[in-house]
N, C-alpha and C. Protein backbone atom coordinates (compact mmCIF):
# COMPACT_ATOMS: atom_id res chain seq x y z
N UNK A 1 -67.27 -58.98 -37.67
CA UNK A 1 -66.02 -57.96 -38.19
C UNK A 1 -65.62 -58.15 -39.58
N UNK A 2 -64.36 -58.99 -39.85
CA UNK A 2 -64.19 -59.19 -41.55
C UNK A 2 -63.42 -60.49 -41.47
N UNK A 3 -63.26 -60.58 -42.92
CA UNK A 3 -62.64 -61.97 -43.06
C UNK A 3 -61.40 -61.72 -43.37
N UNK A 4 -60.50 -60.59 -42.95
CA UNK A 4 -59.20 -60.36 -43.50
C UNK A 4 -58.47 -61.33 -42.50
N UNK A 5 -57.42 -62.06 -42.30
CA UNK A 5 -56.64 -62.54 -41.58
C UNK A 5 -55.36 -61.29 -41.15
N UNK A 6 -55.35 -61.14 -39.97
CA UNK A 6 -54.01 -60.55 -39.39
C UNK A 6 -52.96 -61.31 -38.59
N UNK A 7 -51.88 -61.09 -39.48
CA UNK A 7 -50.80 -62.02 -38.99
C UNK A 7 -49.76 -61.03 -38.15
N UNK A 8 -49.39 -61.48 -36.88
CA UNK A 8 -48.65 -60.80 -36.36
C UNK A 8 -47.11 -60.90 -37.00
N UNK A 9 -46.63 -59.69 -37.38
CA UNK A 9 -45.39 -59.34 -37.62
C UNK A 9 -44.10 -58.90 -36.89
N UNK A 10 -44.66 -58.22 -35.65
CA UNK A 10 -43.39 -57.57 -34.83
C UNK A 10 -44.44 -57.73 -33.39
N UNK A 11 -43.77 -58.65 -32.79
CA UNK A 11 -44.57 -58.68 -31.40
C UNK A 11 -44.20 -57.68 -30.35
N UNK A 12 -42.90 -56.86 -30.13
CA UNK A 12 -42.77 -55.32 -29.74
C UNK A 12 -43.24 -54.25 -30.36
N UNK A 13 -44.32 -54.02 -30.05
CA UNK A 13 -45.01 -52.73 -30.98
C UNK A 13 -44.81 -51.35 -29.91
N UNK A 14 -45.11 -51.58 -28.53
CA UNK A 14 -44.82 -50.82 -27.65
C UNK A 14 -43.79 -50.96 -26.69
N UNK A 15 -42.69 -50.79 -26.72
CA UNK A 15 -41.80 -51.04 -25.91
C UNK A 15 -42.07 -50.92 -24.24
N UNK A 16 -41.79 -49.62 -24.28
CA UNK A 16 -42.36 -48.76 -22.67
C UNK A 16 -43.36 -49.93 -22.04
N UNK A 17 -44.77 -49.83 -22.78
CA UNK A 17 -45.87 -50.83 -22.22
C UNK A 17 -45.29 -52.12 -22.08
N UNK A 18 -44.93 -52.88 -23.01
CA UNK A 18 -44.46 -54.21 -23.09
C UNK A 18 -43.40 -54.41 -22.05
N UNK A 19 -42.42 -53.66 -21.96
CA UNK A 19 -41.19 -54.36 -20.91
C UNK A 19 -41.96 -54.09 -19.52
N UNK A 20 -42.63 -53.13 -19.00
CA UNK A 20 -43.12 -52.86 -18.19
C UNK A 20 -43.91 -54.06 -17.67
N UNK A 21 -44.91 -54.69 -18.48
CA UNK A 21 -45.34 -55.86 -18.41
C UNK A 21 -44.53 -56.98 -17.75
N UNK A 22 -43.23 -57.03 -18.60
CA UNK A 22 -42.40 -58.21 -18.34
C UNK A 22 -41.71 -57.88 -16.61
N UNK A 23 -41.59 -56.77 -16.55
CA UNK A 23 -40.72 -56.34 -15.34
C UNK A 23 -41.64 -56.57 -13.89
N UNK A 24 -43.25 -56.34 -14.47
CA UNK A 24 -44.54 -56.83 -13.47
C UNK A 24 -44.45 -58.30 -13.18
N UNK A 25 -44.16 -59.18 -14.09
CA UNK A 25 -43.85 -60.60 -13.86
C UNK A 25 -42.69 -60.82 -13.48
N UNK A 26 -41.59 -60.14 -13.85
CA UNK A 26 -40.26 -60.84 -13.08
C UNK A 26 -39.66 -60.29 -12.21
N UNK A 27 -40.25 -59.10 -11.55
CA UNK A 27 -39.88 -58.59 -10.50
C UNK A 27 -40.23 -59.53 -9.06
N UNK A 28 -41.81 -60.01 -9.18
CA UNK A 28 -42.12 -60.93 -8.00
C UNK A 28 -41.54 -62.14 -8.21
N UNK A 29 -41.61 -62.52 -9.48
CA UNK A 29 -41.03 -63.86 -9.37
C UNK A 29 -39.21 -63.94 -9.13
N UNK A 30 -38.90 -63.02 -9.05
CA UNK A 30 -37.33 -62.94 -8.59
C UNK A 30 -37.30 -62.44 -7.05
N UNK A 31 -38.23 -61.89 -6.38
CA UNK A 31 -38.31 -61.78 -5.23
C UNK A 31 -38.58 -63.14 -4.76
N UNK A 32 -39.63 -63.65 -5.19
CA UNK A 32 -39.99 -65.15 -4.52
C UNK A 32 -38.73 -66.27 -4.51
N UNK A 33 -38.22 -66.02 -5.77
CA UNK A 33 -36.89 -66.93 -5.91
C UNK A 33 -35.92 -66.73 -4.61
N UNK A 34 -35.94 -65.41 -4.46
CA UNK A 34 -34.62 -65.17 -3.08
C UNK A 34 -35.12 -65.60 -2.02
N UNK A 35 -36.43 -65.03 -1.93
CA UNK A 35 -36.79 -65.99 -0.37
C UNK A 35 -36.87 -67.38 -0.48
N UNK A 36 -37.37 -67.94 -1.48
CA UNK A 36 -37.26 -69.48 -1.54
C UNK A 36 -35.65 -69.87 -1.34
N UNK A 37 -34.71 -69.21 -1.99
CA UNK A 37 -33.22 -69.99 -1.53
C UNK A 37 -32.72 -69.35 -0.43
N UNK A 38 -33.54 -68.40 0.21
CA UNK A 38 -33.30 -67.90 1.47
C UNK A 38 -33.72 -68.90 2.57
N UNK A 39 -34.86 -69.34 2.31
CA UNK A 39 -35.47 -70.20 3.25
C UNK A 39 -34.50 -71.57 3.35
N UNK A 40 -34.25 -71.75 2.22
CA UNK A 40 -33.58 -73.39 1.85
C UNK A 40 -32.40 -73.24 2.78
N UNK A 41 -31.63 -72.13 2.36
CA UNK A 41 -30.13 -71.91 2.84
C UNK A 41 -30.23 -71.71 4.64
N UNK A 42 -31.43 -71.23 5.11
CA UNK A 42 -31.46 -71.34 6.44
C UNK A 42 -31.74 -72.64 7.04
N UNK A 43 -32.83 -73.30 6.19
CA UNK A 43 -33.55 -74.59 6.67
C UNK A 43 -31.74 -75.55 6.61
N UNK A 44 -30.78 -75.49 6.02
CA UNK A 44 -30.11 -76.59 5.68
C UNK A 44 -28.67 -76.13 6.59
N UNK A 45 -28.83 -74.75 7.07
CA UNK A 45 -27.78 -74.21 7.86
C UNK A 45 -28.21 -74.51 9.34
N UNK A 46 -29.34 -74.49 9.61
CA UNK A 46 -29.81 -74.85 11.05
C UNK A 46 -29.62 -76.56 11.19
N UNK A 47 -29.74 -77.46 9.97
CA UNK A 47 -29.61 -78.90 10.13
C UNK A 47 -27.85 -78.75 10.30
N UNK A 48 -27.22 -78.11 10.11
CA UNK A 48 -25.87 -78.49 9.91
C UNK A 48 -25.27 -77.86 11.17
N UNK A 49 -25.84 -76.72 11.95
CA UNK A 49 -25.37 -76.00 12.95
C UNK A 49 -25.48 -77.72 14.08
N UNK A 50 -26.62 -78.24 14.01
CA UNK A 50 -26.31 -79.03 15.10
C UNK A 50 -25.32 -80.34 15.00
N UNK A 51 -25.07 -80.82 15.88
CA UNK A 51 -23.71 -82.01 15.95
C UNK A 51 -24.18 -83.15 15.28
N UNK A 52 -23.89 -83.22 14.09
CA UNK A 52 -24.12 -84.55 13.20
C UNK A 52 -22.50 -84.96 12.59
N UNK A 53 -22.76 -86.38 12.46
CA UNK A 53 -21.70 -87.04 11.85
C UNK A 53 -21.15 -86.20 10.57
N UNK A 54 -20.25 -86.49 10.50
CA UNK A 54 -19.40 -86.01 9.01
C UNK A 54 -20.25 -86.29 7.90
N UNK A 55 -20.48 -87.62 7.86
CA UNK A 55 -21.16 -88.37 6.77
C UNK A 55 -22.42 -88.06 6.62
N UNK A 56 -23.42 -87.67 7.79
CA UNK A 56 -24.60 -86.97 7.74
C UNK A 56 -24.25 -85.43 6.75
N UNK A 57 -23.59 -84.88 7.44
CA UNK A 57 -23.25 -83.51 6.98
C UNK A 57 -22.76 -83.64 5.28
N UNK A 58 -22.04 -84.70 5.18
CA UNK A 58 -22.04 -84.53 3.97
C UNK A 58 -23.04 -84.89 2.91
N UNK A 59 -23.85 -85.64 3.34
CA UNK A 59 -24.91 -86.01 2.68
C UNK A 59 -25.99 -84.84 2.59
N UNK A 60 -26.16 -84.03 3.51
CA UNK A 60 -27.03 -82.91 3.53
C UNK A 60 -26.56 -82.26 2.29
N UNK A 61 -24.99 -81.75 2.70
CA UNK A 61 -24.46 -80.93 1.73
C UNK A 61 -25.03 -81.06 0.15
N UNK A 62 -24.71 -82.63 -0.11
CA UNK A 62 -25.29 -83.13 -1.68
C UNK A 62 -26.66 -82.72 -1.60
N UNK A 63 -27.33 -83.16 -0.73
CA UNK A 63 -28.63 -83.07 -1.10
C UNK A 63 -29.01 -81.15 -1.29
N UNK A 64 -28.61 -80.59 -0.44
CA UNK A 64 -28.72 -79.08 -0.53
C UNK A 64 -28.53 -78.65 -1.88
N UNK A 65 -27.12 -79.65 -2.42
CA UNK A 65 -26.84 -78.90 -4.14
C UNK A 65 -28.05 -79.20 -4.48
N UNK A 66 -28.28 -80.49 -4.56
CA UNK A 66 -29.17 -80.86 -5.68
C UNK A 66 -30.60 -80.29 -5.28
N UNK A 67 -30.95 -79.83 -4.18
CA UNK A 67 -32.11 -79.19 -4.11
C UNK A 67 -31.73 -77.62 -4.93
N UNK A 68 -30.73 -76.81 -4.71
CA UNK A 68 -30.31 -75.99 -5.17
C UNK A 68 -30.39 -76.02 -6.93
N UNK A 69 -29.88 -76.93 -7.45
CA UNK A 69 -30.14 -77.33 -8.81
C UNK A 69 -31.53 -77.45 -9.55
N UNK A 70 -32.46 -78.24 -8.42
CA UNK A 70 -33.50 -78.37 -9.55
C UNK A 70 -34.22 -77.20 -9.32
N UNK A 71 -34.16 -76.15 -7.84
CA UNK A 71 -34.85 -74.94 -7.84
C UNK A 71 -34.49 -73.98 -8.83
N UNK A 72 -32.94 -73.93 -9.17
CA UNK A 72 -32.70 -73.36 -10.42
C UNK A 72 -33.11 -73.46 -11.85
N UNK A 73 -33.08 -74.84 -12.00
CA UNK A 73 -33.71 -75.03 -13.31
C UNK A 73 -35.08 -74.81 -13.23
N UNK A 74 -35.83 -75.29 -12.25
CA UNK A 74 -37.30 -75.10 -12.49
C UNK A 74 -37.72 -73.58 -12.71
N UNK A 75 -36.64 -72.47 -12.12
CA UNK A 75 -37.06 -71.10 -12.32
C UNK A 75 -36.97 -70.62 -13.32
N UNK A 76 -35.71 -71.33 -13.93
CA UNK A 76 -35.20 -70.79 -15.50
C UNK A 76 -36.64 -71.57 -16.44
N UNK A 77 -37.01 -72.54 -16.03
CA UNK A 77 -37.68 -73.06 -16.90
C UNK A 77 -39.24 -72.40 -16.77
N UNK A 78 -39.51 -71.75 -15.79
CA UNK A 78 -40.71 -71.08 -15.57
C UNK A 78 -40.54 -69.75 -16.24
N UNK A 79 -39.29 -69.20 -15.96
CA UNK A 79 -39.27 -68.20 -16.81
C UNK A 79 -39.44 -68.06 -18.32
N UNK A 80 -38.56 -69.41 -19.00
CA UNK A 80 -38.48 -69.38 -20.18
C UNK A 80 -39.82 -69.77 -20.45
N UNK A 81 -40.79 -70.11 -20.15
CA UNK A 81 -42.26 -70.54 -20.42
C UNK A 81 -42.94 -69.19 -20.69
N UNK A 82 -43.06 -68.53 -19.22
CA UNK A 82 -43.64 -66.98 -18.99
C UNK A 82 -43.22 -66.10 -19.88
N UNK A 83 -42.08 -65.82 -20.05
CA UNK A 83 -41.44 -64.85 -21.13
C UNK A 83 -42.22 -64.65 -22.18
N UNK A 84 -42.32 -65.51 -22.95
CA UNK A 84 -43.15 -65.46 -24.15
C UNK A 84 -44.57 -65.24 -24.16
N UNK A 85 -45.50 -65.94 -23.18
CA UNK A 85 -46.51 -65.82 -22.95
C UNK A 85 -46.91 -64.50 -22.35
N UNK A 86 -46.13 -63.85 -21.45
CA UNK A 86 -46.47 -62.61 -21.19
C UNK A 86 -45.97 -61.70 -22.39
N UNK A 87 -45.36 -61.85 -22.98
CA UNK A 87 -44.92 -60.98 -24.14
C UNK A 87 -46.25 -61.09 -25.08
N UNK A 88 -46.66 -62.28 -25.67
CA UNK A 88 -47.76 -62.04 -26.07
C UNK A 88 -49.17 -61.74 -25.56
N UNK A 89 -49.41 -61.88 -24.46
CA UNK A 89 -50.37 -61.48 -23.66
C UNK A 89 -50.28 -59.64 -23.88
N UNK A 90 -49.08 -59.28 -23.63
CA UNK A 90 -48.82 -57.74 -23.65
C UNK A 90 -49.09 -57.39 -25.05
N UNK A 91 -48.92 -57.82 -26.22
CA UNK A 91 -49.19 -57.76 -27.59
C UNK A 91 -50.54 -57.50 -27.85
N UNK A 92 -51.30 -58.43 -27.31
CA UNK A 92 -52.84 -58.30 -27.41
C UNK A 92 -53.67 -57.14 -26.92
N UNK A 93 -52.52 -56.36 -25.87
CA UNK A 93 -53.12 -55.13 -25.48
C UNK A 93 -52.73 -53.93 -26.40
N UNK A 94 -51.09 -54.03 -26.45
CA UNK A 94 -50.71 -53.12 -27.11
C UNK A 94 -50.76 -52.76 -28.71
N UNK A 95 -50.95 -54.22 -29.46
CA UNK A 95 -51.15 -54.31 -30.49
C UNK A 95 -51.99 -53.54 -31.29
N UNK A 96 -53.30 -53.74 -30.44
CA UNK A 96 -54.62 -52.81 -31.09
C UNK A 96 -54.69 -51.10 -30.64
N UNK A 97 -53.87 -51.18 -29.70
CA UNK A 97 -53.59 -49.66 -29.77
C UNK A 97 -52.66 -49.28 -30.59
N UNK A 98 -51.69 -49.77 -30.90
CA UNK A 98 -50.64 -49.37 -31.81
C UNK A 98 -51.39 -49.47 -33.17
N UNK A 99 -52.63 -50.10 -33.85
CA UNK A 99 -52.89 -50.24 -35.07
C UNK A 99 -54.09 -49.00 -35.12
N UNK A 100 -54.83 -48.45 -33.92
CA UNK A 100 -55.60 -47.27 -33.71
C UNK A 100 -54.70 -46.10 -34.06
N UNK A 101 -53.49 -46.00 -33.43
CA UNK A 101 -52.72 -44.87 -33.31
C UNK A 101 -52.38 -44.54 -34.77
N UNK A 102 -51.86 -45.66 -35.47
CA UNK A 102 -51.56 -45.26 -36.96
C UNK A 102 -52.56 -44.88 -37.81
N UNK A 103 -53.78 -45.62 -37.36
CA UNK A 103 -55.03 -44.84 -38.36
C UNK A 103 -55.76 -43.61 -38.11
N UNK A 104 -55.16 -43.07 -36.44
CA UNK A 104 -55.51 -41.62 -36.22
C UNK A 104 -54.53 -40.61 -36.66
N UNK A 105 -53.34 -41.24 -36.68
CA UNK A 105 -52.06 -40.53 -37.52
C UNK A 105 -52.59 -40.35 -38.54
N UNK A 106 -52.81 -41.27 -39.54
CA UNK A 106 -52.90 -41.41 -40.89
C UNK A 106 -54.22 -40.30 -41.08
N UNK A 107 -55.33 -40.05 -40.25
CA UNK A 107 -56.55 -39.49 -40.43
C UNK A 107 -56.07 -37.95 -40.34
N UNK A 108 -55.39 -37.82 -39.47
CA UNK A 108 -54.92 -36.36 -39.11
C UNK A 108 -54.02 -35.91 -40.31
N UNK A 109 -53.50 -37.05 -40.94
CA UNK A 109 -52.46 -36.33 -41.83
C UNK A 109 -53.06 -36.33 -43.11
N UNK A 110 -54.53 -36.51 -43.42
CA UNK A 110 -55.03 -36.02 -44.41
C UNK A 110 -55.85 -37.37 -45.44
N UNK A 111 -55.39 -38.78 -44.64
CA UNK A 111 -55.84 -39.18 -45.33
C UNK A 111 -57.49 -39.93 -45.24
N UNK A 112 -57.84 -40.97 -46.15
CA UNK A 112 -59.41 -40.83 -45.70
C UNK A 112 -59.55 -41.77 -44.28
N UNK A 113 -60.84 -41.93 -43.61
CA UNK A 113 -60.41 -42.50 -42.48
C UNK A 113 -60.81 -44.23 -42.74
N UNK A 114 -60.45 -45.07 -42.63
CA UNK A 114 -60.68 -46.28 -42.57
C UNK A 114 -61.14 -46.92 -41.42
N UNK A 115 -61.96 -48.17 -41.90
CA UNK A 115 -62.35 -49.15 -40.79
C UNK A 115 -61.19 -49.62 -39.77
N UNK A 116 -61.23 -50.12 -38.64
CA UNK A 116 -59.96 -50.79 -38.35
C UNK A 116 -60.71 -52.22 -37.62
N UNK A 117 -59.43 -53.23 -37.77
CA UNK A 117 -59.96 -54.90 -37.55
C UNK A 117 -59.03 -55.13 -36.98
N UNK A 118 -59.22 -55.91 -35.51
CA UNK A 118 -58.43 -56.50 -34.74
C UNK A 118 -58.54 -58.03 -34.79
N UNK A 119 -57.13 -58.81 -34.42
CA UNK A 119 -57.19 -60.07 -34.74
C UNK A 119 -58.26 -60.57 -33.60
N UNK A 120 -58.26 -61.83 -34.01
CA UNK A 120 -59.54 -62.44 -33.00
C UNK A 120 -59.18 -62.62 -31.56
N UNK A 121 -57.98 -62.51 -31.30
CA UNK A 121 -57.68 -62.93 -29.88
C UNK A 121 -57.17 -61.51 -28.91
N UNK A 122 -57.15 -60.29 -29.98
CA UNK A 122 -56.94 -59.29 -29.59
C UNK A 122 -57.88 -58.71 -28.33
N UNK A 123 -57.70 -57.87 -27.63
CA UNK A 123 -58.49 -57.01 -26.47
C UNK A 123 -58.81 -55.86 -27.08
N UNK A 124 -60.19 -55.23 -26.54
CA UNK A 124 -60.79 -54.09 -26.98
C UNK A 124 -61.69 -54.43 -28.20
N UNK A 125 -62.03 -55.49 -28.67
CA UNK A 125 -62.90 -55.77 -29.63
C UNK A 125 -64.51 -54.88 -29.42
N UNK A 126 -64.48 -54.79 -28.51
CA UNK A 126 -65.83 -53.67 -28.38
C UNK A 126 -65.48 -52.30 -28.98
N UNK A 127 -64.30 -51.89 -28.81
CA UNK A 127 -63.60 -50.65 -29.41
C UNK A 127 -64.01 -50.84 -30.51
N UNK A 128 -63.70 -51.59 -31.30
CA UNK A 128 -63.50 -51.58 -33.03
C UNK A 128 -65.00 -51.66 -33.49
N UNK A 129 -66.13 -52.18 -33.01
CA UNK A 129 -67.30 -51.91 -33.24
C UNK A 129 -67.89 -50.49 -33.01
N UNK A 130 -67.48 -50.04 -31.92
CA UNK A 130 -68.02 -48.65 -31.84
C UNK A 130 -67.11 -47.41 -32.65
N UNK A 131 -65.96 -47.92 -32.73
CA UNK A 131 -64.80 -46.77 -33.68
C UNK A 131 -65.45 -47.08 -35.03
N UNK A 132 -65.74 -48.35 -35.75
CA UNK A 132 -66.41 -48.46 -37.19
C UNK A 132 -67.68 -47.89 -37.41
N UNK A 133 -68.48 -48.13 -36.34
CA UNK A 133 -69.87 -47.51 -36.25
C UNK A 133 -70.09 -45.94 -36.24
N UNK A 134 -68.82 -45.32 -35.37
CA UNK A 134 -68.50 -43.72 -35.37
C UNK A 134 -68.41 -43.22 -37.00
N UNK A 135 -67.39 -44.29 -37.63
CA UNK A 135 -66.68 -43.78 -38.84
C UNK A 135 -68.17 -44.29 -39.92
N UNK A 136 -69.16 -45.04 -39.71
CA UNK A 136 -70.24 -44.93 -41.11
C UNK A 136 -71.23 -43.60 -40.84
N UNK A 137 -71.32 -43.55 -39.35
CA UNK A 137 -72.19 -42.31 -39.09
C UNK A 137 -71.86 -41.15 -39.33
N UNK A 138 -70.62 -40.31 -38.97
CA UNK A 138 -70.18 -39.44 -39.20
C UNK A 138 -69.14 -38.94 -40.16
N UNK A 139 -68.74 -40.08 -40.88
CA UNK A 139 -67.73 -39.21 -41.77
C UNK A 139 -68.14 -40.16 -43.32
């Protein structure tokens, strides 16, 4: 490719696409959490329905609260770790398309066509080779 070093300056280059990617991650994760908390609630409710002593009931309620806190913290931790990962992953798709779109708009506006270069970890590397070969051959 080239020795040029491309640095990411904007993470969100295509809001519609990248927000959809985030939602595709978040919605199943939230549904899974709702199901998990519902199952935990039902499990503890069925234990509390049984005739148990007041001491055991208090211990179960304390344990249930600790489980809820751990599950909530774990869920928030996963979201905080996965959110930037999903954003960066989506940027590796949206970034190259954004760059290609800019080059095509400039070409249509009358600028001389220029080769494109993508970052090392971007997707669609094969497209860059084909596009640049096309420019060499026809322009």
